[in-house]
C-alpha atoms as a PDB file:
ATOM      1  CA  UNK A   1       0.000   0.000   0.000  1.00  0.00           C
ATOM      2  CA  UNK A   2       1.434   3.388  -0.977  1.00  0.00           C
ATOM      3  CA  UNK A   3       1.158   6.129   1.584  1.00  0.00           C
ATOM      4  CA  UNK A   4       0.918   9.928   1.261  1.00  0.00           C
ATOM      5  CA  UNK A   5       3.529  12.245   2.716  1.00  0.00           C
ATOM      6  CA  UNK A   6       1.197  13.083   5.604  1.00  0.00           C
ATOM      7  CA  UNK A   7      -0.650  10.318   7.441  1.00  0.00           C
ATOM      8  CA  UNK A   8      -3.847  10.897   9.336  1.00  0.00           C
ATOM      9  CA  UNK A   9      -3.921  10.763  13.120  1.00  0.00           C
ATOM     10  CA  UNK A  10      -5.864   8.256  15.208  1.00  0.00           C
ATOM     11  CA  UNK A  11      -7.778  10.155  17.894  1.00  0.00           C
ATOM     12  CA  UNK A  12      -8.874   8.242  20.986  1.00  0.00           C
ATOM     13  CA  UNK A  13     -12.145   9.964  21.878  1.00  0.00           C
ATOM     14  CA  UNK A  14     -13.757   9.308  25.272  1.00  0.00           C
ATOM     15  CA  UNK A  15     -17.548   9.316  25.425  1.00  0.00           C
ATOM     16  CA  UNK A  16     -19.932   9.886  28.324  1.00  0.00           C
ATOM     17  CA  UNK A  17     -20.308   7.003  30.779  1.00  0.00           C
ATOM     18  CA  UNK A  18     -23.931   7.598  31.703  1.00  0.00           C
ATOM     19  CA  UNK A  19     -26.797   7.977  29.230  1.00  0.00           C
ATOM     20  CA  UNK A  20     -28.585  10.322  31.625  1.00  0.00           C
ATOM     21  CA  UNK A  21     -25.855  12.942  31.163  1.00  0.00           C
ATOM     22  CA  UNK A  22     -25.281  14.912  27.954  1.00  0.00           C
ATOM     23  CA  UNK A  23     -21.718  14.628  26.568  1.00  0.00           C
ATOM     24  CA  UNK A  24     -21.315  18.398  26.915  1.00  0.00           C
ATOM     25  CA  UNK A  25     -21.734  18.055  30.679  1.00  0.00           C
ATOM     26  CA  UNK A  26     -18.757  15.730  31.102  1.00  0.00           C
ATOM     27  CA  UNK A  27     -16.449  15.998  28.066  1.00  0.00           C
ATOM     28  CA  UNK A  28     -13.895  18.788  27.487  1.00  0.00           C
ATOM     29  CA  UNK A  29     -14.604  21.207  24.644  1.00  0.00           C
ATOM     30  CA  UNK A  30     -11.525  19.946  22.769  1.00  0.00           C
ATOM     31  CA  UNK A  31     -12.930  16.399  22.606  1.00  0.00           C
ATOM     32  CA  UNK A  32     -16.252  17.600  21.240  1.00  0.00           C
ATOM     33  CA  UNK A  33     -14.526  19.908  18.757  1.00  0.00           C
ATOM     34  CA  UNK A  34     -12.366  17.096  17.358  1.00  0.00           C
ATOM     35  CA  UNK A  35     -15.310  14.678  17.256  1.00  0.00           C
ATOM     36  CA  UNK A  36     -17.448  17.171  15.344  1.00  0.00           C
ATOM     37  CA  UNK A  37     -14.931  17.618  12.531  1.00  0.00           C
ATOM     38  CA  UNK A  38     -14.002  13.979  11.847  1.00  0.00           C
ATOM     39  CA  UNK A  39     -15.445  12.113   8.850  1.00  0.00           C
ATOM     40  CA  UNK A  40     -14.142   8.647   9.765  1.00  0.00           C
ATOM     41  CA  UNK A  41     -14.811   6.607  12.898  1.00  0.00           C
ATOM     42  CA  UNK A  42     -14.052   3.188  14.339  1.00  0.00           C
ATOM     43  CA  UNK A  43     -16.620   2.028  16.883  1.00  0.00           C
ATOM     44  CA  UNK A  44     -17.663  -1.127  18.667  1.00  0.00           C
ATOM     45  CA  UNK A  45     -21.232  -0.432  17.605  1.00  0.00           C
ATOM     46  CA  UNK A  46     -22.200   1.979  14.810  1.00  0.00           C
ATOM     47  CA  UNK A  47     -25.620   2.717  16.316  1.00  0.00           C
ATOM     48  CA  UNK A  48     -24.071   3.822  19.615  1.00  0.00           C
ATOM     49  CA  UNK A  49     -21.488   5.925  17.777  1.00  0.00           C
ATOM     50  CA  UNK A  50     -24.187   7.674  15.749  1.00  0.00           C
ATOM     51  CA  UNK A  51     -26.131   8.417  18.940  1.00  0.00           C
ATOM     52  CA  UNK A  52     -22.987   9.979  20.424  1.00  0.00           C
ATOM     53  CA  UNK A  53     -22.360  12.098  17.329  1.00  0.00           C
ATOM     54  CA  UNK A  54     -25.972  13.263  17.326  1.00  0.00           C
ATOM     55  CA  UNK A  55     -25.733  14.137  21.029  1.00  0.00           C
ATOM     56  CA  UNK A  56     -22.671  16.345  20.539  1.00  0.00           C
ATOM     57  CA  UNK A  57     -24.554  18.337  17.897  1.00  0.00           C
ATOM     58  CA  UNK A  58     -22.741  17.345  14.729  1.00  0.00           C
ATOM     59  CA  UNK A  59     -23.916  19.683  11.971  1.00  0.00           C
ATOM     60  CA  UNK A  60     -23.757  17.517   8.822  1.00  0.00           C
ATOM     61  CA  UNK A  61     -25.846  14.434   8.000  1.00  0.00           C
ATOM     62  CA  UNK A  62     -24.686  11.315   9.829  1.00  0.00           C
ATOM     63  CA  UNK A  63     -24.903   9.397   6.548  1.00  0.00           C
ATOM     64  CA  UNK A  64     -21.846  11.331   5.383  1.00  0.00           C
ATOM     65  CA  UNK A  65     -19.725   9.935   8.212  1.00  0.00           C
ATOM     66  CA  UNK A  66     -17.985   6.577   7.759  1.00  0.00           C
ATOM     67  CA  UNK A  67     -18.184   4.258  10.784  1.00  0.00           C
ATOM     68  CA  UNK A  68     -16.359   0.906  10.724  1.00  0.00           C
ATOM     69  CA  UNK A  69     -17.660  -1.499  13.363  1.00  0.00           C
ATOM     70  CA  UNK A  70     -14.887  -2.933  15.478  1.00  0.00           C
ATOM     71  CA  UNK A  71     -16.808  -6.045  16.554  1.00  0.00           C
ATOM     72  CA  UNK A  72     -17.065  -7.194  12.938  1.00  0.00           C
ATOM     73  CA  UNK A  73     -13.353  -6.848  12.237  1.00  0.00           C
ATOM     74  CA  UNK A  74     -11.545  -7.339  15.561  1.00  0.00           C
ATOM     75  CA  UNK A  75     -10.237 -10.761  14.523  1.00  0.00           C
ATOM     76  CA  UNK A  76      -8.591  -9.265  11.465  1.00  0.00           C
ATOM     77  CA  UNK A  77      -6.980  -6.553  13.567  1.00  0.00           C
ATOM     78  CA  UNK A  78      -5.649  -9.121  16.000  1.00  0.00           C
ATOM     79  CA  UNK A  79      -4.250 -11.426  13.342  1.00  0.00           C
ATOM     80  CA  UNK A  80      -0.625 -11.788  12.333  1.00  0.00           C
ATOM     81  CA  UNK A  81      -1.322 -10.402   8.864  1.00  0.00           C
ATOM     82  CA  UNK A  82      -0.636  -6.670   8.655  1.00  0.00           C
ATOM     83  CA  UNK A  83      -2.740  -6.287   5.497  1.00  0.00           C
ATOM     84  CA  UNK A  84      -6.045  -7.151   7.165  1.00  0.00           C
ATOM     85  CA  UNK A  85      -6.105  -4.509   9.925  1.00  0.00           C
ATOM     86  CA  UNK A  86      -4.619  -1.901   7.610  1.00  0.00           C
ATOM     87  CA  UNK A  87      -7.271  -2.440   4.961  1.00  0.00           C
ATOM     88  CA  UNK A  88     -10.166  -2.529   7.429  1.00  0.00           C
ATOM     89  CA  UNK A  89      -9.238   0.134   9.965  1.00  0.00           C
ATOM     90  CA  UNK A  90      -6.295   2.186   8.803  1.00  0.00           C
ATOM     91  CA  UNK A  91      -7.049   2.818   5.146  1.00  0.00           C
ATOM     92  CA  UNK A  92      -8.442   6.359   5.743  1.00  0.00           C
ATOM     93  CA  UNK A  93      -5.372   7.178   7.850  1.00  0.00           C
ATOM     94  CA  UNK A  94      -3.062   6.172   5.019  1.00  0.00           C
ATOM     95  CA  UNK A  95      -5.120   8.395   2.727  1.00  0.00           C
ATOM     96  CA  UNK A  96      -4.395  11.343   5.025  1.00  0.00           C
ATOM     97  CA  UNK A  97      -7.707  11.448   6.921  1.00  0.00           C
ATOM     98  CA  UNK A  98      -7.889  11.680  10.710  1.00  0.00           C
ATOM     99  CA  UNK A  99      -9.933   8.903  12.338  1.00  0.00           C
ATOM    100  CA  UNK A 100     -11.736   8.785  15.681  1.00  0.00           C
ATOM    101  CA  UNK A 101     -11.854   5.660  17.864  1.00  0.00           C
ATOM    102  CA  UNK A 102     -14.756   5.568  20.324  1.00  0.00           C
ATOM    103  CA  UNK A 103     -15.822   3.074  22.974  1.00  0.00           C
ATOM    104  CA  UNK A 104     -19.360   2.117  23.952  1.00  0.00           C
ATOM    105  CA  UNK A 105     -18.808   4.230  27.068  1.00  0.00           C
ATOM    106  CA  UNK A 106     -15.875   6.065  28.576  1.00  0.00           C
ATOM    107  CA  UNK A 107     -12.255   5.799  27.465  1.00  0.00           C
ATOM    108  CA  UNK A 108     -11.496   3.773  24.318  1.00  0.00           C
ATOM    109  CA  UNK A 109      -8.907   0.957  24.360  1.00  0.00           C
ATOM    110  CA  UNK A 110      -9.140   0.549  28.174  1.00  0.00           C
ATOM    111  CA  UNK A 111     -11.097  -2.604  29.024  1.00  0.00           C
ATOM    112  CA  UNK A 112     -12.232  -2.186  25.434  1.00  0.00           C
ATOM    113  CA  UNK A 113     -11.521  -4.023  22.144  1.00  0.00           C
ATOM    114  CA  UNK A 114     -10.283  -0.796  20.550  1.00  0.00           C
ATOM    115  CA  UNK A 115      -6.803  -1.631  21.873  1.00  0.00           C
ATOM    116  CA  UNK A 116      -6.208  -3.829  18.794  1.00  0.00           C
ATOM    117  CA  UNK A 117      -6.701  -0.789  16.554  1.00  0.00           C
ATOM    118  CA  UNK A 118      -4.250   1.279  18.603  1.00  0.00           C
ATOM    119  CA  UNK A 119      -1.674  -1.515  18.371  1.00  0.00           C
ATOM    120  CA  UNK A 120      -2.138  -1.706  14.604  1.00  0.00           C
ATOM    121  CA  UNK A 121      -1.717   2.071  14.322  1.00  0.00           C
ATOM    122  CA  UNK A 122       1.559   1.998  16.253  1.00  0.00           C
ATOM    123  CA  UNK A 123       2.820  -0.841  14.079  1.00  0.00           C
ATOM    124  CA  UNK A 124       2.018   1.212  10.968  1.00  0.00           C
ATOM    125  CA  UNK A 125       3.766   4.321  12.277  1.00  0.00           C
ATOM    126  CA  UNK A 126       0.545   6.304  12.681  1.00  0.00           C
ATOM    127  CA  UNK A 127       0.361   8.948  15.388  1.00  0.00           C
ATOM    128  CA  UNK A 128      -2.041   8.065  18.218  1.00  0.00           C
ATOM    129  CA  UNK A 129      -3.608  11.006  20.057  1.00  0.00           C
ATOM    130  CA  UNK A 130      -5.373  10.225  23.384  1.00  0.00           C
ATOM    131  CA  UNK A 131      -7.843  12.878  24.534  1.00  0.00           C
ATOM    132  CA  UNK A 132      -9.031  13.608  28.060  1.00  0.00           C
ATOM    133  CA  UNK A 133     -12.326  12.145  29.244  1.00  0.00           C
ATOM    134  CA  UNK A 134     -14.023   9.892  31.781  1.00  0.00           C
ATOM    135  CA  UNK A 135     -12.725   6.440  32.690  1.00  0.00           C
ATOM    136  CA  UNK A 136     -14.799   4.501  35.209  1.00  0.00           C
ATOM    137  CA  UNK A 137     -11.656   2.695  36.393  1.00  0.00           C
ATOM    138  CA  UNK A 138      -9.818   5.873  37.386  1.00  0.00           C
ATOM    139  CA  UNK A 139     -12.919   7.681  38.644  1.00  0.00           C
ATOM    140  CA  UNK A 140     -13.821   4.725  40.846  1.00  0.00           C
ATOM    141  CA  UNK A 141     -10.276   4.423  42.173  1.00  0.00           C
ATOM    142  CA  UNK A 142     -10.134   8.151  42.911  1.00  0.00           C
ATOM    143  CA  UNK A 143     -13.411   8.055  44.817  1.00  0.00           C
ATOM    144  CA  UNK A 144     -12.739   4.813  46.713  1.00  0.00           C
ATOM    145  CA  UNK A 145     -10.106   6.036  49.151  1.00  0.00           C
ATOM    146  CA  UNK A 146      -8.203   2.795  48.530  1.00  0.00           C
ATOM    147  CA  UNK A 147      -4.557   2.541  47.477  1.00  0.00           C
ATOM    148  CA  UNK A 148      -4.078   4.586  44.310  1.00  0.00           C
ATOM    149  CA  UNK A 149      -0.308   3.989  44.250  1.00  0.00           C
ATOM    150  CA  UNK A 150      -0.559   0.265  43.544  1.00  0.00           C
ATOM    151  CA  UNK A 151      -3.623  -1.243  41.878  1.00  0.00           C
ATOM    152  CA  UNK A 152      -4.724  -3.787  39.285  1.00  0.00           C
ATOM    153  CA  UNK A 153      -7.756  -3.962  37.036  1.00  0.00           C
ATOM    154  CA  UNK A 154      -8.829  -7.515  36.202  1.00  0.00           C
ATOM    155  CA  UNK A 155     -11.809  -6.943  33.926  1.00  0.00           C
ATOM    156  CA  UNK A 156     -14.372  -9.709  34.339  1.00  0.00           C
ATOM    157  CA  UNK A 157     -14.060 -12.523  36.874  1.00  0.00           C
ATOM    158  CA  UNK A 158     -15.069 -16.081  35.856  1.00  0.00           C
ATOM    159  CA  UNK A 159     -18.807 -16.621  35.429  1.00  0.00           C
ATOM    160  CA  UNK A 160     -18.731 -20.065  37.037  1.00  0.00           C
ATOM    161  CA  UNK A 161     -19.223 -19.650  40.795  1.00  0.00           C
ATOM    162  CA  UNK A 162     -16.437 -21.948  42.061  1.00  0.00           C
ATOM    163  CA  UNK A 163     -13.888 -20.395  39.687  1.00  0.00           C
ATOM    164  CA  UNK A 164     -15.054 -16.899  40.645  1.00  0.00           C
ATOM    165  CA  UNK A 165     -14.648 -17.581  44.370  1.00  0.00           C
ATOM    166  CA  UNK A 166     -11.197 -19.057  43.740  1.00  0.00           C
ATOM    167  CA  UNK A 167     -10.188 -15.908  41.862  1.00  0.00           C
ATOM    168  CA  UNK A 168     -11.517 -13.669  44.646  1.00  0.00           C
ATOM    169  CA  UNK A 169      -9.447 -15.586  47.219  1.00  0.00           C
ATOM    170  CA  UNK A 170      -6.320 -15.350  45.071  1.00  0.00           C
ATOM    171  CA  UNK A 171      -6.715 -11.634  44.478  1.00  0.00           C
ATOM    172  CA  UNK A 172      -7.344 -10.976  48.167  1.00  0.00           C
ATOM    173  CA  UNK A 173      -4.107 -12.773  49.056  1.00  0.00           C
ATOM    174  CA  UNK A 174      -2.266 -10.661  46.494  1.00  0.00           C
ATOM    175  CA  UNK A 175      -3.927  -7.508  47.812  1.00  0.00           C
ATOM    176  CA  UNK A 176      -2.775  -8.255  51.347  1.00  0.00           C
ATOM    177  CA  UNK A 177       0.766  -9.213  50.346  1.00  0.00           C
ATOM    178  CA  UNK A 178       1.325  -6.224  48.070  1.00  0.00           C
ATOM    179  CA  UNK A 179      -1.037  -3.616  49.580  1.00  0.00           C
ATOM    180  CA  UNK A 180      -2.707  -3.544  46.157  1.00  0.00           C
ATOM    181  CA  UNK A 181      -6.199  -2.372  45.275  1.00  0.00           C
ATOM    182  CA  UNK A 182      -8.029  -4.951  43.146  1.00  0.00           C
ATOM    183  CA  UNK A 183     -10.689  -3.845  40.644  1.00  0.00           C
ATOM    184  CA  UNK A 184     -13.327  -5.655  38.578  1.00  0.00           C
ATOM    185  CA  UNK A 185     -16.369  -5.012  36.417  1.00  0.00           C
ATOM    186  CA  UNK A 186     -19.306  -7.227  35.509  1.00  0.00           C
ATOM    187  CA  UNK A 187     -22.210  -7.274  33.090  1.00  0.00           C
ATOM    188  CA  UNK A 188     -24.921  -5.359  35.005  1.00  0.00           C
ATOM    189  CA  UNK A 189     -27.383  -8.264  35.258  1.00  0.00           C
ATOM    190  CA  UNK A 190     -24.638 -10.335  36.958  1.00  0.00           C
ATOM    191  CA  UNK A 191     -23.662  -7.641  39.468  1.00  0.00           C
ATOM    192  CA  UNK A 192     -25.760  -9.242  42.207  1.00  0.00           C
ATOM    193  CA  UNK A 193     -24.054 -12.661  42.181  1.00  0.00           C
ATOM    194  CA  UNK A 194     -20.585 -11.075  42.079  1.00  0.00           C
ATOM    195  CA  UNK A 195     -21.389  -8.758  44.980  1.00  0.00           C
ATOM    196  CA  UNK A 196     -22.792 -11.697  46.983  1.00  0.00           C
ATOM    197  CA  UNK A 197     -19.638 -13.754  46.395  1.00  0.00           C
ATOM    198  CA  UNK A 198     -17.360 -10.852  47.326  1.00  0.00           C
ATOM    199  CA  UNK A 199     -19.206 -10.239  50.596  1.00  0.00           C
ATOM    200  CA  UNK A 200     -19.345 -13.940  51.474  1.00  0.00           C
ATOM    201  CA  UNK A 201     -15.723 -14.705  50.530  1.00  0.00           C
ATOM    202  CA  UNK A 202     -13.606 -11.720  51.516  1.00  0.00           C
ATOM    203  CA  UNK A 203     -12.191 -11.229  55.008  1.00  0.00           C
ATOM    204  CA  UNK A 204     -14.541  -9.159  57.224  1.00  0.00           C
ATOM    205  CA  UNK A 205     -11.864  -6.460  57.621  1.00  0.00           C
ATOM    206  CA  UNK A 206     -11.225  -6.077  53.886  1.00  0.00           C
ATOM    207  CA  UNK A 207     -12.421  -2.735  52.539  1.00  0.00           C
ATOM    208  CA  UNK A 208     -14.820  -3.064  49.605  1.00  0.00           C
ATOM    209  CA  UNK A 209     -15.965  -0.169  47.426  1.00  0.00           C
ATOM    210  CA  UNK A 210     -18.993  -0.304  45.110  1.00  0.00           C
ATOM    211  CA  UNK A 211     -18.989   2.492  42.505  1.00  0.00           C
ATOM    212  CA  UNK A 212     -22.190   2.649  40.453  1.00  0.00           C
ATOM    213  CA  UNK A 213     -23.453   4.915  37.650  1.00  0.00           C
ATOM    214  CA  UNK A 214     -20.307   7.030  37.723  1.00  0.00           C
ATOM    215  CA  UNK A 215     -20.916  10.578  36.404  1.00  0.00           C
ATOM    216  CA  UNK A 216     -24.647   9.759  36.095  1.00  0.00           C
ATOM    217  CA  UNK A 217     -27.684  11.185  37.849  1.00  0.00           C
ATOM    218  CA  UNK A 218     -27.863   8.158  40.156  1.00  0.00           C
ATOM    219  CA  UNK A 219     -24.128   8.020  40.893  1.00  0.00           C
ATOM    220  CA  UNK A 220     -23.196   6.168  44.078  1.00  0.00           C
ATOM    221  CA  UNK A 221     -19.764   5.424  45.552  1.00  0.00           C
ATOM    222  CA  UNK A 222     -19.769   3.621  48.886  1.00  0.00           C
ATOM    223  CA  UNK A 223     -16.747   2.117  50.645  1.00  0.00           C
ATOM    224  CA  UNK A 224     -17.232  -0.096  53.721  1.00  0.00           C
ATOM    225  CA  UNK A 225     -15.564  -3.018  55.408  1.00  0.00           C
ATOM    226  CA  UNK A 226     -16.940  -6.367  54.262  1.00  0.00           C
ATOM    227  CA  UNK A 227     -18.383  -6.944  57.742  1.00  0.00           C
ATOM    228  CA  UNK A 228     -20.461  -3.781  57.267  1.00  0.00           C
ATOM    229  CA  UNK A 229     -21.552  -4.770  53.748  1.00  0.00           C
ATOM    230  CA  UNK A 230     -22.954  -8.023  55.148  1.00  0.00           C
ATOM    231  CA  UNK A 231     -25.584  -5.996  56.971  1.00  0.00           C
ATOM    232  CA  UNK A 232     -26.612  -3.990  53.887  1.00  0.00           C
ATOM    233  CA  UNK A 233     -28.799  -4.585  50.838  1.00  0.00           C
ATOM    234  CA  UNK A 234     -28.039  -2.816  47.566  1.00  0.00           C
ATOM    235  CA  UNK A 235     -29.707  -2.788  44.149  1.00  0.00           C
ATOM    236  CA  UNK A 236     -27.072  -2.820  41.404  1.00  0.00           C
ATOM    237  CA  UNK A 237     -28.370  -5.502  39.027  1.00  0.00           C
ATOM    238  CA  UNK A 238     -29.079  -3.094  36.154  1.00  0.00           C
ATOM    239  CA  UNK A 239     -26.416  -0.451  36.759  1.00  0.00           C
ATOM    240  CA  UNK A 240     -22.833  -0.197  35.412  1.00  0.00           C
ATOM    241  CA  UNK A 241     -20.703  -0.901  38.462  1.00  0.00           C
ATOM    242  CA  UNK A 242     -17.032  -1.025  39.394  1.00  0.00           C
ATOM    243  CA  UNK A 243     -15.964  -3.245  42.295  1.00  0.00           C
ATOM    244  CA  UNK A 244     -12.803  -2.422  44.257  1.00  0.00           C
ATOM    245  CA  UNK A 245     -11.277  -3.942  47.383  1.00  0.00           C
ATOM    246  CA  UNK A 246      -8.145  -3.667  49.504  1.00  0.00           C
ATOM    247  CA  UNK A 247      -7.237  -6.341  52.041  1.00  0.00           C
END
């Protein structure tokens, strides 16, 4: 593939975390300004990306904006063949156009499949430009009061109960040995079982933080010892939630 003298830049564009909040209420002006001018996007879901572009007040018809869906091409981007990801994702960049990468919510490429696109861009010598915006992982850590000097984000724990409890035990041992905050997320409808296993498995003195609907109208961040959580009832089954603990 021949390339022009000037390559496009890959912009990593954060989006709002909560649907109840307009992007303008949480995103810096620079992010919205860049997003409004781009003609090419990579998104996990085109429908969600179009809703975001509409919400930020894009002036031209959405039909004029190209959106490549990441979920349909992630395998190509993760393959050993350089031609596949370049042809699917990076072609506009090689033609000199800037491209925006957006997540379903929050920061792209963090706990997000967009990381494969960023890796492909680096491999191709394309400039990657991260822009400031909300990340539930950092917001939850900031608000938890737990150790922000040493922490680990583990994504999703195993769905099978025995394997999940085993993982919780292992991470609690690591937390105690290294004074490390451990963080997890879960699909909202499985929040209840994960919370129940955390409360039943962790040491009573371990501090557990539940951060829900971050930046949203119903935002809640509550940090208690596990012994205190055992006396509480919470409703988090349908809400995006970050779980954090420190032994």
